C-alpha cells in the first residue's frame, strides 16, 4: 500500500464521528477486519489490476469515506473520527490498492485447493488485510484495502478488506467492486438514528474460550431442494403464526439446535428495519439478537423475533443465563453475508479479447484461531450458489453437517 502523508487540514478533510459502539475497544474498534477472498480462473492479472483501479476509483470518488482514516480530535468530538477527503485524489486510490510491497507475492502459492487455514495464515502475514480499528487510529493507514494477486493453479485472487469500525454492513466488501453496481453514493446519517437500545451485547464465555480444544472449519453449499421442501412444510403447518420463513431462518435454527446452543447470538442488519435508516447508510447499523435453546428451536421462532419490529428480541423461551450460568453455557454465533446487493457475478478480463473470467469461489475470511465458540457465516459462494462456513470442535462440525440442510463440500482440499 502506498504511504501517503496524513492531511488533517480542515479545509481538505471532513471529520465524521463514529458511533459509540464503533469507538469502543470493547466492541467494533477491537474487532478484526471484515475480509473476503474471491478466486477467478484464467484472469489476466495486469488487465484485472487496471480494471480494479478504475472500479475502486469510481466507487471512492462517489463515496470518499472509503478513502478515510481513523483519528482522534477531542476538540471536535469525544468519539473516534473518520477523516475523509473532500475530494478523492489519485494518491488516495494508490493508498487503497495492495501492491508487491504489501506481500502480494507471498500469495502466489494459494488457490481453491489450498487448506483454508493456510489461506487465512498467508493473508494475515501479507499486509493485504486491514487491521482492527484501534491499530489504525492516528496512523497513516486507510480503513479499506483492495488487492488483486496472482495465485496458484492459474488463478487470480481478489482480496477486499475493511475495518469493522466503519464497515458498511448492507454492502459487503466485495460489492464495492461488483461490475453491475452503479457508482451511487452511500451516505452516513448516524445522527438521525438512536441505536443505544440496539447495541451489541457480547458474552464472555470462559468455558468456550478457555477450553475450546481442537477447532476446525467446514464449508458446504446449501441444499436448495431441502430448503424448498422445508418452506413448503412450514407454510402448510402455519407454524408459529408467521406468514413465511426465510432460508436464513432455517439455517439459523438448525445451526443453533445442532450445536446445542444455550445462547445464540444472531447478527441482524438494522437498515430499513428501524426508523430513519435505509440501504445507503454507512456504519455498523446492526444488532445481535439473543436466543436461548427454546426460542431458536424452529425457523418460525427465528422469524417471530424479527417480525414485530424494534426492539428486536426473542419470542418465548426462558430467561437468559445469569453471570455464573453464562460461564458454563454453550454460546454460538451466526451471521449472514449473503446480501441481496451482491450476486457473486463479478467478471475479470482474460488474455483473450472479449473473454471474461467469472467467480470460481468467493469466501469470507475467518481465522480458525479466532474461534472461541461455534460460529457460522452464510454467504454467496458463486453466482447462484449459497454456502455456509461453520467452525468449532469436531463434534460441532459433525452435528451441523448431519442436521443442517447442507449439500456438497465447497472444496474438499480447502476443508478437510
Protein backbone atom coordinates (compact mmCIF):
# COMPACT_ATOMS: atom_id res chain seq x y z
CA UNK A 1 0.00 0.00 0.00
CA UNK A 2 1.38 3.41 -0.91
CA UNK A 3 2.40 5.55 2.05
CA UNK A 4 0.54 8.83 1.93
CA UNK A 5 1.29 11.56 4.43
CA UNK A 6 -1.81 12.23 6.55
CA UNK A 7 -3.53 15.51 5.84
CA UNK A 8 -5.76 16.78 8.63
CA UNK A 9 -6.15 20.22 7.12
CA UNK A 10 -9.77 21.11 7.92
CA UNK A 11 -10.11 22.79 4.54
CA UNK A 12 -9.45 19.50 2.73
CA UNK A 13 -10.79 16.96 5.22
CA UNK A 14 -14.24 16.12 6.59
CA UNK A 15 -14.43 14.61 10.08
CA UNK A 16 -17.28 12.20 10.75
CA UNK A 17 -17.71 10.87 14.33
CA UNK A 18 -18.15 7.13 14.70
CA UNK A 19 -20.98 5.62 16.72
CA UNK A 20 -20.39 4.91 20.41
CA UNK A 21 -20.00 1.17 19.80
CA UNK A 22 -17.70 1.80 16.83
CA UNK A 23 -15.40 3.86 19.06
CA UNK A 24 -15.34 1.28 21.84
CA UNK A 25 -12.37 -1.00 22.43
CA UNK A 26 -14.88 -3.47 23.85
CA UNK A 27 -16.86 -3.65 20.63
CA UNK A 28 -16.12 -2.74 16.99
CA UNK A 29 -12.82 -0.90 17.42
CA UNK A 30 -11.22 -4.14 18.63
CA UNK A 31 -12.88 -6.42 16.07
CA UNK A 32 -10.82 -7.95 13.23
CA UNK A 33 -11.37 -6.52 9.77
CA UNK A 34 -14.19 -7.79 7.57
CA UNK A 35 -12.37 -9.56 4.74
CA UNK A 36 -13.30 -11.69 1.75
CA UNK A 37 -11.20 -13.53 -0.81
CA UNK A 38 -12.54 -14.28 -4.28
CA UNK A 39 -10.83 -16.63 -6.72
CA UNK A 40 -11.03 -16.38 -10.52
CA UNK A 41 -9.73 -18.84 -13.12
CA UNK A 42 -7.57 -17.72 -16.09
CA UNK A 43 -8.00 -13.98 -15.48
CA UNK A 44 -5.25 -11.69 -16.80
CA UNK A 45 -3.53 -10.17 -13.75
CA UNK A 46 -2.43 -6.87 -15.30
CA UNK A 47 -5.72 -6.25 -17.10
CA UNK A 48 -7.59 -7.13 -13.91
CA UNK A 49 -5.49 -4.73 -11.84
CA UNK A 50 -6.26 -1.95 -14.29
CA UNK A 51 -9.96 -2.82 -14.09
CA UNK A 52 -9.78 -2.86 -10.27
CA UNK A 53 -8.14 0.56 -10.12
CA UNK A 54 -10.79 2.06 -12.39
CA UNK A 55 -13.54 0.42 -10.38
CA UNK A 56 -12.20 1.46 -6.96
CA UNK A 57 -11.57 4.99 -8.25
CA UNK A 58 -15.15 5.37 -9.47
CA UNK A 59 -16.64 3.96 -6.27
CA UNK A 60 -14.43 6.04 -3.95
CA UNK A 61 -14.99 9.30 -5.79
CA UNK A 62 -18.70 8.77 -5.17
CA UNK A 63 -18.02 7.56 -1.61
CA UNK A 64 -14.99 9.44 -0.21
CA UNK A 65 -15.39 7.80 3.22
CA UNK A 66 -13.84 4.61 1.78
CA UNK A 67 -10.56 6.53 1.49
CA UNK A 68 -10.80 7.72 5.09
CA UNK A 69 -8.55 7.26 8.12
CA UNK A 70 -9.35 6.96 11.82
CA UNK A 71 -8.23 9.84 14.04
CA UNK A 72 -8.89 11.37 17.44
CA UNK A 73 -9.66 15.06 17.83
CA UNK A 74 -11.11 15.71 21.27
CA UNK A 75 -11.77 19.34 20.36
CA UNK A 76 -14.22 18.13 17.68
CA UNK A 77 -15.81 15.06 19.25
CA UNK A 78 -15.24 12.61 22.09
CA UNK A 79 -15.54 9.61 19.75
CA UNK A 80 -13.04 8.37 17.20
CA UNK A 81 -13.44 10.28 13.93
CA UNK A 82 -13.39 9.14 10.34
CA UNK A 83 -11.24 11.67 8.46
CA UNK A 84 -12.19 11.59 4.80
CA UNK A 85 -11.00 13.75 1.91
CA UNK A 86 -13.47 16.25 0.49
CA UNK A 87 -12.26 15.20 -2.93
CA UNK A 88 -10.60 11.85 -3.61
CA UNK A 89 -7.27 12.21 -5.40
CA UNK A 90 -5.14 9.69 -7.29
CA UNK A 91 -2.88 9.35 -4.26
CA UNK A 92 -5.88 8.25 -2.21
CA UNK A 93 -6.60 5.48 -4.71
CA UNK A 94 -2.93 4.45 -4.59
CA UNK A 95 -3.23 4.09 -0.82
CA UNK A 96 -6.24 1.77 -1.15
CA UNK A 97 -4.71 -0.69 -3.61
CA UNK A 98 -2.46 -3.51 -2.44
CA UNK A 99 0.95 -3.79 -4.11
CA UNK A 100 4.00 -6.03 -4.06
CA UNK A 101 5.21 -4.04 -1.05
CA UNK A 102 2.24 -5.45 0.86
CA UNK A 103 3.38 -9.03 0.46
CA UNK A 104 1.19 -9.80 -2.55
CA UNK A 105 3.82 -12.16 -3.98
CA UNK A 106 3.51 -14.34 -0.88
CA UNK A 107 0.01 -15.28 -2.06
CA UNK A 108 1.20 -16.85 -5.32
CA UNK A 109 1.04 -20.37 -3.88
CA UNK A 110 -2.58 -20.28 -2.63
CA UNK A 111 -5.65 -21.37 -4.59
CA UNK A 112 -9.02 -23.05 -4.13
CA UNK A 113 -7.06 -26.24 -3.45
CA UNK A 114 -5.10 -24.78 -0.52
CA UNK A 115 -6.23 -25.63 3.03
CA UNK A 116 -8.41 -22.81 4.33
CA UNK A 117 -6.30 -22.34 7.47
CA UNK A 118 -3.22 -21.86 5.27
CA UNK A 119 -5.03 -19.27 3.14
CA UNK A 120 -6.00 -17.34 6.28
CA UNK A 121 -2.47 -17.54 7.68
CA UNK A 122 -0.96 -16.29 4.41
CA UNK A 123 -3.39 -13.39 4.28
CA UNK A 124 -2.70 -12.35 7.87
CA UNK A 125 1.03 -12.12 7.14
CA UNK A 126 0.70 -10.40 3.75
CA UNK A 127 -0.49 -6.94 4.87
CA UNK A 128 -3.41 -7.20 2.43
CA UNK A 129 -5.82 -7.33 5.38
CA UNK A 130 -6.73 -4.12 7.20
CA UNK A 131 -6.01 -4.21 10.92
CA UNK A 132 -8.57 -3.80 13.71
CA UNK A 133 -9.72 -0.23 14.22
CA UNK A 134 -7.62 0.53 17.29
CA UNK A 135 -4.45 -0.18 15.29
CA UNK A 136 -5.48 2.35 12.63
CA UNK A 137 -6.27 5.32 14.87
CA UNK A 138 -3.81 8.13 14.22
CA UNK A 139 -1.86 6.04 11.70
CA UNK A 140 -1.17 6.60 8.02
CA UNK A 141 -3.49 3.76 7.05
CA UNK A 142 -6.82 3.76 5.24
CA UNK A 143 -9.89 1.93 6.51
CA UNK A 144 -10.16 -0.26 3.39
CA UNK A 145 -7.85 -2.15 1.06
CA UNK A 146 -8.37 -3.77 -2.34
CA UNK A 147 -5.80 -6.23 -3.68
CA UNK A 148 -5.56 -8.24 -6.90
CA UNK A 149 -2.97 -11.02 -6.55
CA UNK A 150 -1.68 -13.75 -8.81
CA UNK A 151 -2.46 -17.11 -7.20
CA UNK A 152 -1.56 -20.74 -7.91
CA UNK A 153 -3.13 -23.13 -10.44
CA UNK A 154 -3.74 -20.36 -12.97
CA UNK A 155 -5.98 -18.46 -10.57
CA UNK A 156 -6.22 -14.82 -9.52
CA UNK A 157 -7.34 -13.75 -6.05
CA UNK A 158 -9.24 -10.57 -5.19
CA UNK A 159 -8.89 -9.64 -1.51
CA UNK A 160 -11.17 -6.93 -0.15
CA UNK A 161 -10.75 -5.85 3.46
CA UNK A 162 -12.38 -3.14 5.58
CA UNK A 163 -12.07 -2.30 9.25
CA UNK A 164 -15.11 -3.38 11.27
CA UNK A 165 -15.21 0.03 12.96
CA UNK A 166 -16.88 1.59 9.91
CA UNK A 167 -17.95 -1.47 7.97
CA UNK A 168 -20.93 -0.90 5.69
CA UNK A 169 -22.95 -3.91 6.74
CA UNK A 170 -25.56 -3.81 3.97
CA UNK A 171 -22.92 -3.63 1.23
CA UNK A 172 -20.42 -6.48 1.62
CA UNK A 173 -16.80 -5.69 0.91
CA UNK A 174 -16.74 -7.35 -2.49
CA UNK A 175 -19.79 -5.42 -3.68
CA UNK A 176 -17.55 -2.36 -3.77
CA UNK A 177 -16.10 -3.77 -6.98
CA UNK A 178 -19.20 -5.53 -8.34
CA UNK A 179 -19.27 -4.70 -12.04
CA UNK A 180 -23.05 -4.47 -12.15
CA UNK A 181 -23.45 -1.80 -9.48
CA UNK A 182 -23.94 1.86 -10.22
CA UNK A 183 -21.48 4.36 -8.79
CA UNK A 184 -24.05 5.73 -6.36
CA UNK A 185 -23.00 7.39 -3.14
CA UNK A 186 -23.56 5.80 0.24
CA UNK A 187 -24.39 8.35 2.88
CA UNK A 188 -23.85 8.34 6.61
CA UNK A 189 -26.79 9.63 8.68
CA UNK A 190 -25.71 8.49 12.12
CA UNK A 191 -27.19 11.45 13.99
CA UNK A 192 -30.75 10.56 12.96
CA UNK A 193 -30.91 7.09 14.46
CA UNK A 194 -30.79 6.31 18.17
CA UNK A 195 -29.19 2.89 18.40
CA UNK A 196 -28.35 2.80 22.10
CA UNK A 197 -31.11 0.29 22.76
CA UNK A 198 -29.86 -1.87 19.90
CA UNK A 199 -26.18 -2.01 20.85
CA UNK A 200 -24.32 -5.30 20.54
CA UNK A 201 -24.26 -7.47 23.64
CA UNK A 202 -21.13 -9.57 23.95
CA UNK A 203 -20.95 -12.51 26.33
CA UNK A 204 -17.64 -13.62 27.80
CA UNK A 205 -17.97 -17.36 28.00
CA UNK A 206 -14.98 -18.81 29.83
CA UNK A 207 -15.91 -22.41 29.17
CA UNK A 208 -15.98 -21.85 25.42
CA UNK A 209 -12.92 -19.61 25.20
CA UNK A 210 -10.50 -21.30 27.57
CA UNK A 211 -11.38 -24.92 26.96
CA UNK A 212 -12.18 -24.75 23.27
CA UNK A 213 -9.77 -27.57 22.38
CA UNK A 214 -9.24 -28.60 18.77
CA UNK A 215 -11.29 -26.38 16.46
CA UNK A 216 -11.76 -26.62 12.72
CA UNK A 217 -13.87 -25.17 9.91
CA UNK A 218 -16.03 -26.69 7.20
CA UNK A 219 -17.91 -25.06 4.31
CA UNK A 220 -20.73 -26.53 2.26
CA UNK A 221 -23.26 -25.47 -0.32
CA UNK A 222 -26.85 -25.07 0.83
CA UNK A 223 -29.20 -27.83 -0.30
CA UNK A 224 -31.81 -25.71 -2.09
CA UNK A 225 -34.19 -28.64 -2.54
CA UNK A 226 -34.27 -29.34 1.20
CA UNK A 227 -34.82 -25.63 1.83
CA UNK A 228 -37.73 -25.57 -0.63
CA UNK A 229 -39.42 -28.58 0.98
CA UNK A 230 -38.85 -27.15 4.46
CA UNK A 231 -40.55 -23.90 3.50
CA UNK A 232 -43.50 -25.77 1.99
CA UNK A 233 -43.86 -27.87 5.12
CA UNK A 234 -43.73 -24.86 7.42
CA UNK A 235 -46.24 -22.96 5.27
CA UNK A 236 -48.65 -25.89 5.43
CA UNK A 237 -48.37 -26.10 9.21
CA UNK A 238 -48.72 -22.33 9.71
CA UNK A 239 -46.03 -22.89 12.30
CA UNK A 240 -45.55 -20.15 14.86
CA UNK A 241 -48.21 -17.91 13.27
CA UNK A 242 -45.78 -16.39 10.77
CA UNK A 243 -46.56 -15.67 7.13
CA UNK A 244 -43.36 -17.20 5.84
CA UNK A 245 -39.91 -18.38 6.84
CA UNK A 246 -36.68 -17.49 5.09
CA UNK A 247 -33.64 -19.56 4.20
CA UNK A 248 -31.79 -17.65 6.92
CA UNK A 249 -34.44 -18.66 9.49
CA UNK A 250 -33.96 -22.34 8.62
CA UNK A 251 -30.16 -22.21 8.69
CA UNK A 252 -30.08 -20.24 11.93
CA UNK A 253 -32.44 -22.59 13.74
CA UNK A 254 -30.77 -25.79 12.54
CA UNK A 255 -27.33 -24.42 13.40
CA UNK A 256 -28.41 -23.46 16.93
CA UNK A 257 -30.02 -26.82 17.57
CA UNK A 258 -27.08 -28.73 16.08
CA UNK A 259 -24.51 -27.13 18.36
CA UNK A 260 -26.76 -27.31 21.43
CA UNK A 261 -26.58 -23.56 21.98
CA UNK A 262 -27.72 -22.30 25.38
CA UNK A 263 -27.21 -18.80 23.99
CA UNK A 264 -27.26 -18.00 20.26
CA UNK A 265 -26.03 -14.59 19.10
CA UNK A 266 -27.74 -13.82 15.78
CA UNK A 267 -26.41 -10.75 13.98
CA UNK A 268 -29.01 -8.80 12.01
CA UNK A 269 -28.90 -5.76 9.74
CA UNK A 270 -30.98 -2.84 11.01
CA UNK A 271 -31.17 -0.92 7.74
CA UNK A 272 -34.75 -0.49 6.61
CA UNK A 273 -35.80 -2.10 9.91
CA UNK A 274 -35.56 0.91 12.21
CA UNK A 275 -36.77 4.45 11.62
CA UNK A 276 -34.61 6.80 9.54
CA UNK A 277 -32.35 4.09 8.14
CA UNK A 278 -32.01 2.87 4.58
CA UNK A 279 -29.64 0.78 2.48
CA UNK A 280 -27.43 3.80 1.79
CA UNK A 281 -26.40 4.40 5.40
CA UNK A 282 -22.74 3.71 6.17
CA UNK A 283 -21.71 2.27 9.51
CA UNK A 284 -22.45 -0.56 11.92
CA UNK A 285 -26.22 -0.35 11.95
CA UNK A 286 -26.51 -3.84 13.32
CA UNK A 287 -27.71 -5.76 16.32
CA UNK A 288 -27.21 -9.12 17.94
CA UNK A 289 -30.49 -10.78 18.90
CA UNK A 290 -30.00 -13.25 21.73
CA UNK A 291 -31.81 -16.59 21.62
CA UNK A 292 -31.92 -19.48 24.04
CA UNK A 293 -32.42 -23.12 23.03
CA UNK A 294 -36.22 -22.83 23.08
CA UNK A 295 -36.58 -19.56 21.16
CA UNK A 296 -34.36 -20.90 18.36
CA UNK A 297 -35.92 -24.35 18.19
CA UNK A 298 -37.86 -23.78 14.95
CA UNK A 299 -37.33 -21.49 11.95
CA UNK A 300 -40.65 -19.83 12.76
CA UNK A 301 -39.24 -18.87 16.19
CA UNK A 302 -36.41 -17.02 14.48
CA UNK A 303 -38.86 -15.28 12.13
CA UNK A 304 -41.06 -14.22 15.06
CA UNK A 305 -38.15 -12.37 16.66
CA UNK A 306 -37.84 -10.19 13.54
CA UNK A 307 -41.47 -9.67 12.53
CA UNK A 308 -42.58 -7.48 15.42
CA UNK A 309 -40.03 -4.74 14.73
CA UNK A 310 -37.88 -2.87 17.24
CA UNK A 311 -36.96 -3.61 19.89
CA UNK A 312 -35.94 -6.92 18.31
CA UNK A 313 -35.89 -9.76 20.81
CA UNK A 314 -36.60 -13.46 21.03
CA UNK A 315 -40.15 -14.68 21.44
CA UNK A 316 -40.86 -17.19 24.18
CA UNK A 317 -38.15 -19.27 25.76
CA UNK A 318 -36.82 -18.82 29.27
CA UNK A 319 -34.69 -16.12 30.85
CA UNK A 320 -31.16 -15.92 29.53
CA UNK A 321 -28.46 -17.34 31.83
CA UNK A 322 -27.13 -15.10 34.57
CA UNK A 323 -23.43 -14.40 35.01
CA UNK A 324 -22.50 -17.68 36.71
CA UNK A 325 -24.60 -19.74 34.32
CA UNK A 326 -23.13 -17.91 31.34
CA UNK A 327 -19.65 -19.04 32.33
CA UNK A 328 -20.79 -22.64 31.85
CA UNK A 329 -23.17 -22.06 28.94
CA UNK A 330 -22.64 -23.11 25.33
CA UNK A 331 -22.64 -19.91 23.28
CA UNK A 332 -22.70 -19.70 19.49
CA UNK A 333 -22.81 -17.01 16.80
CA UNK A 334 -24.33 -16.84 13.32
CA UNK A 335 -24.19 -14.01 10.79
CA UNK A 336 -25.38 -13.68 7.21
CA UNK A 337 -23.19 -12.19 4.47
CA UNK A 338 -25.47 -13.30 1.61
CA UNK A 339 -26.52 -9.73 0.86
CA UNK A 340 -29.16 -9.06 -1.76
CA UNK A 341 -26.89 -6.35 -3.19
CA UNK A 342 -24.15 -8.84 -4.11
CA UNK A 343 -24.82 -11.56 -6.69
CA UNK A 344 -21.32 -13.08 -6.86
CA UNK A 345 -21.27 -12.40 -10.59
CA UNK A 346 -18.13 -10.26 -10.90
CA UNK A 347 -16.15 -10.97 -14.07
CA UNK A 348 -12.48 -10.20 -14.68
CA UNK A 349 -10.84 -9.75 -18.10
CA UNK A 350 -8.72 -12.56 -19.56
CA UNK A 351 -5.90 -12.61 -22.13
CA UNK A 352 -8.41 -13.30 -24.91
CA UNK A 353 -10.15 -10.27 -26.34
CA UNK A 354 -13.74 -10.06 -25.13
CA UNK A 355 -13.47 -13.15 -22.90
CA UNK A 356 -14.10 -12.87 -19.16
CA UNK A 357 -13.43 -14.95 -16.07
CA UNK A 358 -16.37 -15.48 -13.67
CA UNK A 359 -16.01 -16.12 -9.95
CA UNK A 360 -14.58 -19.55 -9.19
CA UNK A 361 -15.15 -19.23 -5.44
CA UNK A 362 -15.99 -16.40 -3.04
CA UNK A 363 -15.24 -16.90 0.68
CA UNK A 364 -15.40 -14.98 3.95
CA UNK A 365 -12.07 -14.89 5.76
CA UNK A 366 -12.42 -16.09 9.35
CA UNK A 367 -9.30 -17.12 11.21
CA UNK A 368 -9.59 -20.57 12.82
CA UNK A 369 -7.58 -19.37 15.83
CA UNK A 370 -10.26 -16.73 16.47
CA UNK A 371 -12.99 -19.30 17.07
CA UNK A 372 -13.95 -19.07 20.74
CA UNK A 373 -17.27 -20.94 20.34
CA UNK A 374 -19.29 -22.40 17.42
CA UNK A 375 -19.71 -19.85 14.62
CA UNK A 376 -21.38 -19.80 11.23
CA UNK A 377 -21.38 -17.40 8.27
CA UNK A 378 -23.91 -17.68 5.45
CA UNK A 379 -22.56 -16.33 2.15
CA UNK A 380 -22.75 -16.48 -1.65
CA UNK A 381 -20.00 -18.82 -2.82
CA UNK A 382 -20.54 -18.12 -6.53
CA UNK A 383 -23.32 -17.00 -8.83
CA UNK A 384 -26.48 -18.88 -7.91
CA UNK A 385 -24.86 -20.90 -5.10
CA UNK A 386 -25.41 -20.18 -1.43
CA UNK A 387 -22.93 -21.55 1.08
CA UNK A 388 -22.33 -21.78 4.81
CA UNK A 389 -18.99 -21.87 6.60
CA UNK A 390 -19.10 -23.08 10.18
CA UNK A 391 -16.50 -23.78 12.82
CA UNK A 392 -15.99 -25.39 16.20
CA UNK A 393 -14.83 -28.65 17.68
CA UNK A 394 -15.12 -31.80 15.53
CA UNK A 395 -18.29 -32.76 17.40
CA UNK A 396 -19.89 -29.47 16.34
CA UNK A 397 -18.80 -29.89 12.72
CA UNK A 398 -20.32 -33.37 12.55
CA UNK A 399 -23.59 -32.26 14.16
CA UNK A 400 -24.10 -29.31 11.80
CA UNK A 401 -23.22 -31.44 8.78
CA UNK A 402 -25.77 -34.07 9.86
CA UNK A 403 -28.67 -31.77 10.77
CA UNK A 404 -28.49 -28.60 8.68
CA UNK A 405 -29.80 -28.53 5.08
CA UNK A 406 -26.32 -28.67 3.56
CA UNK A 407 -25.02 -30.43 0.47
CA UNK A 408 -21.61 -30.84 -1.16
CA UNK A 409 -18.45 -29.59 0.48
CA UNK A 410 -17.34 -26.36 -1.19
CA UNK A 411 -13.78 -27.63 -1.56
CA UNK A 412 -12.60 -30.99 -0.25
CA UNK A 413 -8.99 -29.78 -0.23
CA UNK A 414 -9.65 -26.46 1.49
CA UNK A 415 -11.89 -28.02 4.14
CA UNK A 416 -10.62 -31.47 5.07
